[in-house]
Amino acid sequence: MAYEFLDHTADLKFRASGKDFEEALAEAARALTEAIAGDSKIEAKILKEFTVTIHKPEILVHDFLQELVYMFSADHLLFADFDLELKESMGYRLTAKVKGEKYDPKRHKLKAEVKAVTYHELKAEESNDVFLIEVICDT
């Protein structure tokens, strides 16, 4: 569906929505990418796969987005495509296949340095057939 940036006094805050949890997670990942790299064009040259298994949806959101922050910090990777498969059974298991490329200062502008995804005011909930995620990141 979509994402939007929200006013926050010190850090970065955004809301992502989707018809289901998977789509909302993908939109949250797109918002995070835009927060880091603005509207820079990111090509799907590199594939990374990882799995997050956890019992609460809010913690899943945190751990998924934090993995993307880590890959940018450690490996300078930005992502544009998010193929997510979520299974619910005694908790949540997210298998993520993300595609992107290495940060290139000649092609990508650095909009903000996202240091971490926080638990503060973190939301992951369904309301009126729409799944909503709200996240605050330390910048």
N, C-alpha and C. Protein backbone atom coordinates (compact mmCIF):
# COMPACT_ATOMS: atom_id res chain seq x y z
N MET A 1 0.82 -1.18 0.00
CA MET A 1 0.00 0.00 0.00
C MET A 1 0.87 1.25 0.00
N ALA A 2 1.41 1.61 1.17
CA ALA A 2 2.15 2.87 1.19
C ALA A 2 2.91 3.05 2.49
N TYR A 3 3.69 4.14 2.50
CA TYR A 3 4.33 4.56 3.74
C TYR A 3 4.37 6.08 3.76
N GLU A 4 4.53 6.62 4.96
CA GLU A 4 4.65 8.07 5.12
C GLU A 4 5.56 8.36 6.30
N PHE A 5 6.24 9.49 6.21
CA PHE A 5 7.09 9.94 7.30
C PHE A 5 6.27 10.83 8.22
N LEU A 6 6.47 10.66 9.52
CA LEU A 6 5.71 11.40 10.52
C LEU A 6 6.62 12.35 11.27
N ASP A 7 6.05 13.42 11.79
CA ASP A 7 6.84 14.37 12.59
C ASP A 7 7.30 13.71 13.88
N HIS A 8 8.55 13.93 14.21
CA HIS A 8 9.09 13.46 15.47
C HIS A 8 10.18 14.44 15.89
N THR A 9 10.25 14.73 17.18
CA THR A 9 11.14 15.79 17.66
C THR A 9 12.61 15.58 17.35
N ALA A 10 13.13 14.39 17.58
CA ALA A 10 14.58 14.21 17.45
C ALA A 10 14.98 13.19 16.40
N ASP A 11 14.20 12.16 16.23
CA ASP A 11 14.60 11.05 15.37
C ASP A 11 13.70 10.94 14.15
N LEU A 12 13.79 9.82 13.49
CA LEU A 12 13.01 9.53 12.28
C LEU A 12 11.85 8.63 12.65
N LYS A 13 10.65 8.98 12.20
CA LYS A 13 9.47 8.16 12.46
C LYS A 13 8.71 7.97 11.17
N PHE A 14 8.24 6.74 10.93
CA PHE A 14 7.41 6.50 9.76
C PHE A 14 6.34 5.48 10.06
N ARG A 15 5.30 5.51 9.21
CA ARG A 15 4.19 4.56 9.28
C ARG A 15 4.11 3.87 7.92
N ALA A 16 3.99 2.55 7.95
CA ALA A 16 3.84 1.77 6.73
C ALA A 16 2.55 0.97 6.84
N SER A 17 1.90 0.76 5.70
CA SER A 17 0.66 0.00 5.71
C SER A 17 0.63 -0.97 4.55
N GLY A 18 -0.18 -2.01 4.72
CA GLY A 18 -0.34 -3.00 3.68
C GLY A 18 -1.60 -3.80 3.91
N LYS A 19 -1.98 -4.56 2.91
CA LYS A 19 -3.18 -5.39 3.04
C LYS A 19 -2.96 -6.54 4.01
N ASP A 20 -1.68 -6.87 4.26
CA ASP A 20 -1.32 -7.90 5.23
C ASP A 20 0.03 -7.55 5.85
N PHE A 21 0.48 -8.37 6.78
CA PHE A 21 1.72 -8.10 7.50
C PHE A 21 2.91 -8.07 6.54
N GLU A 22 2.98 -9.01 5.58
CA GLU A 22 4.10 -9.06 4.63
C GLU A 22 4.21 -7.76 3.85
N GLU A 23 3.08 -7.29 3.32
CA GLU A 23 3.10 -6.06 2.51
C GLU A 23 3.49 -4.86 3.36
N ALA A 24 3.00 -4.79 4.59
CA ALA A 24 3.36 -3.68 5.48
C ALA A 24 4.86 -3.71 5.81
N LEU A 25 5.42 -4.92 6.01
CA LEU A 25 6.86 -5.05 6.26
C LEU A 25 7.67 -4.56 5.06
N ALA A 26 7.24 -4.93 3.85
CA ALA A 26 7.94 -4.48 2.64
C ALA A 26 7.89 -2.96 2.52
N GLU A 27 6.74 -2.37 2.83
CA GLU A 27 6.62 -0.90 2.78
C GLU A 27 7.50 -0.25 3.85
N ALA A 28 7.58 -0.86 5.03
CA ALA A 28 8.46 -0.33 6.08
C ALA A 28 9.92 -0.37 5.62
N ALA A 29 10.30 -1.44 4.92
CA ALA A 29 11.66 -1.55 4.40
C ALA A 29 11.92 -0.47 3.34
N ARG A 30 10.93 -0.19 2.50
CA ARG A 30 11.08 0.88 1.50
C ARG A 30 11.23 2.24 2.18
N ALA A 31 10.45 2.46 3.23
CA ALA A 31 10.56 3.72 3.97
C ALA A 31 11.95 3.87 4.59
N LEU A 32 12.45 2.79 5.16
CA LEU A 32 13.79 2.81 5.75
C LEU A 32 14.84 3.13 4.68
N THR A 33 14.72 2.50 3.52
CA THR A 33 15.66 2.76 2.42
C THR A 33 15.60 4.22 1.99
N GLU A 34 14.39 4.77 1.87
CA GLU A 34 14.27 6.17 1.49
C GLU A 34 14.85 7.09 2.57
N ALA A 35 14.66 6.72 3.83
CA ALA A 35 15.23 7.52 4.92
C ALA A 35 16.75 7.58 4.82
N ILE A 36 17.36 6.49 4.40
CA ILE A 36 18.82 6.43 4.29
C ILE A 36 19.31 7.08 3.00
N ALA A 37 18.68 6.74 1.88
CA ALA A 37 19.23 7.12 0.57
C ALA A 37 18.34 8.05 -0.24
N GLY A 38 17.31 8.60 0.36
CA GLY A 38 16.44 9.51 -0.37
C GLY A 38 15.80 8.82 -1.55
N ASP A 39 15.67 9.56 -2.65
CA ASP A 39 15.05 8.98 -3.84
C ASP A 39 16.07 8.42 -4.82
N SER A 40 17.25 8.08 -4.34
CA SER A 40 18.29 7.49 -5.19
C SER A 40 17.78 6.20 -5.84
N LYS A 41 18.15 6.00 -7.09
CA LYS A 41 17.78 4.76 -7.78
C LYS A 41 18.71 3.64 -7.31
N ILE A 42 18.10 2.56 -6.85
CA ILE A 42 18.86 1.41 -6.36
C ILE A 42 18.54 0.23 -7.26
N GLU A 43 19.59 -0.36 -7.83
CA GLU A 43 19.41 -1.49 -8.73
C GLU A 43 19.49 -2.81 -7.97
N ALA A 44 18.74 -3.79 -8.45
CA ALA A 44 18.68 -5.11 -7.80
C ALA A 44 19.79 -6.01 -8.33
N LYS A 45 21.03 -5.74 -7.90
CA LYS A 45 22.20 -6.48 -8.38
C LYS A 45 22.64 -7.59 -7.43
N ILE A 46 22.39 -7.41 -6.14
CA ILE A 46 22.88 -8.34 -5.12
C ILE A 46 21.68 -8.90 -4.36
N LEU A 47 21.67 -10.22 -4.18
CA LEU A 47 20.61 -10.88 -3.41
C LEU A 47 21.14 -11.30 -2.05
N LYS A 48 20.43 -10.94 -1.01
CA LYS A 48 20.73 -11.40 0.35
C LYS A 48 19.48 -12.08 0.89
N GLU A 49 19.69 -13.19 1.58
CA GLU A 49 18.58 -13.91 2.19
C GLU A 49 18.84 -14.06 3.68
N PHE A 50 17.79 -13.90 4.46
CA PHE A 50 17.89 -14.13 5.90
C PHE A 50 16.51 -14.47 6.45
N THR A 51 16.52 -15.04 7.64
CA THR A 51 15.29 -15.46 8.30
C THR A 51 15.24 -14.84 9.69
N VAL A 52 14.04 -14.41 10.06
CA VAL A 52 13.80 -13.90 11.41
C VAL A 52 12.67 -14.74 12.00
N THR A 53 12.92 -15.35 13.14
CA THR A 53 11.91 -16.14 13.84
C THR A 53 11.72 -15.54 15.22
N ILE A 54 10.47 -15.20 15.53
CA ILE A 54 10.20 -14.49 16.79
C ILE A 54 8.74 -14.69 17.18
N HIS A 55 8.39 -14.39 18.39
CA HIS A 55 7.04 -14.64 18.89
C HIS A 55 6.08 -13.45 18.82
N LYS A 56 6.58 -12.24 18.70
CA LYS A 56 5.71 -11.05 18.69
C LYS A 56 5.91 -10.26 17.40
N PRO A 57 4.81 -9.75 16.81
CA PRO A 57 4.95 -9.01 15.55
C PRO A 57 5.82 -7.76 15.67
N GLU A 58 5.75 -7.05 16.80
CA GLU A 58 6.56 -5.84 16.96
C GLU A 58 8.05 -6.17 16.96
N ILE A 59 8.41 -7.26 17.60
CA ILE A 59 9.82 -7.67 17.65
C ILE A 59 10.29 -8.11 16.26
N LEU A 60 9.40 -8.76 15.51
CA LEU A 60 9.72 -9.15 14.13
C LEU A 60 10.02 -7.92 13.29
N VAL A 61 9.18 -6.89 13.39
CA VAL A 61 9.42 -5.64 12.66
C VAL A 61 10.79 -5.08 13.02
N HIS A 62 11.06 -4.98 14.31
CA HIS A 62 12.34 -4.45 14.78
C HIS A 62 13.51 -5.25 14.21
N ASP A 63 13.48 -6.57 14.36
CA ASP A 63 14.62 -7.40 13.96
C ASP A 63 14.82 -7.39 12.45
N PHE A 64 13.73 -7.39 11.67
CA PHE A 64 13.83 -7.34 10.21
C PHE A 64 14.47 -6.02 9.76
N LEU A 65 13.94 -4.91 10.24
CA LEU A 65 14.49 -3.61 9.83
C LEU A 65 15.90 -3.40 10.36
N GLN A 66 16.17 -3.87 11.56
CA GLN A 66 17.52 -3.73 12.12
C GLN A 66 18.54 -4.50 11.29
N GLU A 67 18.14 -5.64 10.74
CA GLU A 67 19.04 -6.40 9.86
C GLU A 67 19.39 -5.57 8.62
N LEU A 68 18.42 -4.84 8.07
CA LEU A 68 18.69 -3.97 6.92
C LEU A 68 19.63 -2.83 7.31
N VAL A 69 19.42 -2.25 8.48
CA VAL A 69 20.32 -1.20 8.98
C VAL A 69 21.73 -1.76 9.13
N TYR A 70 21.84 -2.95 9.70
CA TYR A 70 23.15 -3.57 9.90
C TYR A 70 23.85 -3.80 8.55
N MET A 71 23.12 -4.30 7.55
CA MET A 71 23.75 -4.57 6.25
C MET A 71 24.22 -3.29 5.57
N PHE A 72 23.52 -2.17 5.84
CA PHE A 72 24.01 -0.91 5.30
C PHE A 72 25.26 -0.47 6.06
N SER A 73 25.22 -0.54 7.38
CA SER A 73 26.35 -0.11 8.20
C SER A 73 27.60 -0.95 7.97
N ALA A 74 27.44 -2.26 7.92
CA ALA A 74 28.58 -3.17 7.82
C ALA A 74 29.06 -3.37 6.39
N ASP A 75 28.12 -3.52 5.45
CA ASP A 75 28.47 -3.89 4.07
C ASP A 75 28.13 -2.81 3.05
N HIS A 76 27.56 -1.69 3.50
CA HIS A 76 27.19 -0.57 2.62
C HIS A 76 26.18 -0.99 1.55
N LEU A 77 25.23 -1.85 1.93
CA LEU A 77 24.22 -2.33 1.00
C LEU A 77 22.91 -1.58 1.18
N LEU A 78 22.35 -1.17 0.04
CA LEU A 78 21.02 -0.56 -0.01
C LEU A 78 20.11 -1.51 -0.77
N PHE A 79 18.85 -1.59 -0.37
CA PHE A 79 17.95 -2.55 -1.00
C PHE A 79 16.74 -1.87 -1.61
N ALA A 80 16.27 -2.45 -2.73
CA ALA A 80 15.13 -1.91 -3.45
C ALA A 80 13.98 -2.90 -3.57
N ASP A 81 14.29 -4.18 -3.63
CA ASP A 81 13.28 -5.22 -3.81
C ASP A 81 13.20 -6.09 -2.56
N PHE A 82 11.98 -6.34 -2.12
CA PHE A 82 11.77 -7.09 -0.89
C PHE A 82 10.76 -8.21 -1.16
N ASP A 83 11.25 -9.44 -1.24
CA ASP A 83 10.41 -10.61 -1.41
C ASP A 83 10.32 -11.29 -0.04
N LEU A 84 9.17 -11.18 0.58
CA LEU A 84 9.02 -11.64 1.96
C LEU A 84 7.98 -12.75 2.04
N GLU A 85 8.30 -13.77 2.82
CA GLU A 85 7.35 -14.86 3.07
C GLU A 85 7.22 -15.02 4.58
N LEU A 86 6.01 -14.84 5.05
CA LEU A 86 5.74 -14.89 6.49
C LEU A 86 4.87 -16.10 6.81
N LYS A 87 5.31 -16.87 7.79
CA LYS A 87 4.53 -18.02 8.27
C LYS A 87 4.23 -17.80 9.74
N GLU A 88 2.98 -18.07 10.10
CA GLU A 88 2.55 -17.93 11.49
C GLU A 88 2.19 -19.29 12.04
N SER A 89 2.90 -19.72 13.05
CA SER A 89 2.61 -20.96 13.75
C SER A 89 3.40 -20.92 15.05
N MET A 90 2.73 -20.70 16.15
CA MET A 90 3.43 -20.58 17.44
C MET A 90 4.46 -19.45 17.36
N GLY A 91 4.11 -18.37 16.72
CA GLY A 91 5.01 -17.24 16.52
C GLY A 91 5.08 -16.89 15.05
N TYR A 92 6.13 -16.20 14.67
CA TYR A 92 6.30 -15.73 13.30
C TYR A 92 7.66 -16.15 12.77
N ARG A 93 7.67 -16.57 11.50
CA ARG A 93 8.92 -16.89 10.81
C ARG A 93 8.91 -16.14 9.48
N LEU A 94 9.80 -15.18 9.35
CA LEU A 94 9.91 -14.37 8.14
C LEU A 94 11.14 -14.80 7.37
N THR A 95 10.93 -15.20 6.12
CA THR A 95 12.04 -15.47 5.21
C THR A 95 12.11 -14.28 4.25
N ALA A 96 13.23 -13.59 4.25
CA ALA A 96 13.39 -12.38 3.45
C ALA A 96 14.44 -12.60 2.37
N LYS A 97 14.07 -12.29 1.14
CA LYS A 97 15.00 -12.24 0.01
C LYS A 97 14.99 -10.78 -0.44
N VAL A 98 16.10 -10.10 -0.20
CA VAL A 98 16.18 -8.68 -0.51
C VAL A 98 17.24 -8.45 -1.58
N LYS A 99 16.92 -7.57 -2.52
CA LYS A 99 17.85 -7.29 -3.62
C LYS A 99 18.20 -5.81 -3.63
N GLY A 100 19.47 -5.55 -3.91
CA GLY A 100 19.92 -4.17 -3.97
C GLY A 100 21.34 -4.09 -4.50
N GLU A 101 22.07 -3.10 -4.02
CA GLU A 101 23.44 -2.90 -4.48
C GLU A 101 24.24 -2.16 -3.42
N LYS A 102 25.55 -2.13 -3.63
CA LYS A 102 26.44 -1.38 -2.73
C LYS A 102 26.22 0.11 -2.91
N TYR A 103 26.29 0.81 -1.80
CA TYR A 103 26.20 2.27 -1.81
C TYR A 103 27.33 2.84 -2.65
N ASP A 104 26.99 3.71 -3.57
CA ASP A 104 27.96 4.39 -4.43
C ASP A 104 27.74 5.89 -4.27
N PRO A 105 28.68 6.60 -3.63
CA PRO A 105 28.47 8.03 -3.38
C PRO A 105 28.31 8.85 -4.66
N LYS A 106 28.72 8.30 -5.81
CA LYS A 106 28.54 9.01 -7.08
C LYS A 106 27.10 8.91 -7.57
N ARG A 107 26.40 7.85 -7.16
CA ARG A 107 25.04 7.61 -7.64
C ARG A 107 23.96 7.75 -6.56
N HIS A 108 24.35 7.55 -5.32
CA HIS A 108 23.37 7.58 -4.23
C HIS A 108 23.67 8.73 -3.29
N LYS A 109 22.64 9.47 -2.93
CA LYS A 109 22.85 10.53 -1.94
C LYS A 109 22.49 9.96 -0.57
N LEU A 110 23.28 10.27 0.41
CA LEU A 110 23.02 9.84 1.77
C LEU A 110 22.14 10.89 2.43
N LYS A 111 20.91 10.53 2.71
CA LYS A 111 19.94 11.46 3.29
C LYS A 111 20.07 11.52 4.81
N ALA A 112 20.18 10.36 5.44
CA ALA A 112 20.30 10.30 6.91
C ALA A 112 21.08 9.06 7.30
N GLU A 113 21.80 9.18 8.39
CA GLU A 113 22.48 8.01 8.93
C GLU A 113 21.57 7.39 9.98
N VAL A 114 20.95 6.28 9.62
CA VAL A 114 20.09 5.57 10.56
C VAL A 114 20.99 4.67 11.39
N LYS A 115 21.03 4.93 12.68
CA LYS A 115 21.91 4.16 13.57
C LYS A 115 21.24 2.91 14.10
N ALA A 116 19.94 2.99 14.36
CA ALA A 116 19.25 1.83 14.93
C ALA A 116 17.74 2.00 14.82
N VAL A 117 17.06 0.88 14.77
CA VAL A 117 15.61 0.83 14.89
C VAL A 117 15.33 0.69 16.39
N THR A 118 14.41 1.49 16.91
CA THR A 118 14.14 1.45 18.35
C THR A 118 12.86 0.67 18.64
N TYR A 119 12.70 0.33 19.90
CA TYR A 119 11.46 -0.29 20.37
C TYR A 119 10.45 0.77 20.82
N HIS A 120 10.91 2.01 20.96
CA HIS A 120 10.07 3.10 21.45
C HIS A 120 8.90 3.34 20.50
N GLU A 121 7.68 3.26 21.00
CA GLU A 121 6.45 3.49 20.23
C GLU A 121 6.32 2.56 19.02
N LEU A 122 7.00 1.45 19.01
CA LEU A 122 6.93 0.49 17.90
C LEU A 122 5.55 -0.15 17.88
N LYS A 123 4.91 -0.14 16.70
CA LYS A 123 3.57 -0.71 16.56
C LYS A 123 3.53 -1.64 15.35
N ALA A 124 2.78 -2.72 15.49
CA ALA A 124 2.48 -3.63 14.39
C ALA A 124 1.10 -4.19 14.69
N GLU A 125 0.10 -3.69 13.97
CA GLU A 125 -1.27 -4.08 14.30
C GLU A 125 -2.17 -4.02 13.08
N GLU A 126 -3.24 -4.81 13.15
CA GLU A 126 -4.23 -4.82 12.08
C GLU A 126 -5.42 -3.98 12.52
N SER A 127 -5.90 -3.15 11.60
CA SER A 127 -7.04 -2.28 11.89
C SER A 127 -7.83 -2.06 10.60
N ASN A 128 -9.11 -2.41 10.62
CA ASN A 128 -9.98 -2.20 9.46
C ASN A 128 -9.40 -2.81 8.18
N ASP A 129 -8.97 -4.06 8.25
CA ASP A 129 -8.43 -4.81 7.11
C ASP A 129 -7.16 -4.21 6.52
N VAL A 130 -6.45 -3.41 7.31
CA VAL A 130 -5.16 -2.85 6.90
C VAL A 130 -4.17 -3.15 8.02
N PHE A 131 -2.97 -3.60 7.65
CA PHE A 131 -1.94 -3.83 8.65
C PHE A 131 -1.07 -2.59 8.72
N LEU A 132 -0.88 -2.05 9.92
CA LEU A 132 -0.11 -0.83 10.13
C LEU A 132 1.13 -1.10 10.96
N ILE A 133 2.22 -0.47 10.56
CA ILE A 133 3.49 -0.54 11.29
C ILE A 133 3.95 0.89 11.53
N GLU A 134 4.34 1.20 12.76
CA GLU A 134 4.96 2.50 13.07
C GLU A 134 6.31 2.24 13.71
N VAL A 135 7.31 2.99 13.25
CA VAL A 135 8.69 2.77 13.68
C VAL A 135 9.37 4.10 13.94
N ILE A 136 10.19 4.13 14.98
CA ILE A 136 11.09 5.26 15.23
C ILE A 136 12.52 4.73 15.13
N CYS A 137 13.36 5.46 14.39
CA CYS A 137 14.77 5.08 14.23
C CYS A 137 15.65 6.18 14.82
N ASP A 138 16.73 5.77 15.46
CA ASP A 138 17.75 6.71 15.91
C ASP A 138 18.57 7.15 14.71
N THR A 139 18.74 8.46 14.58
CA THR A 139 19.55 8.99 13.47
C THR A 139 20.71 9.80 14.03
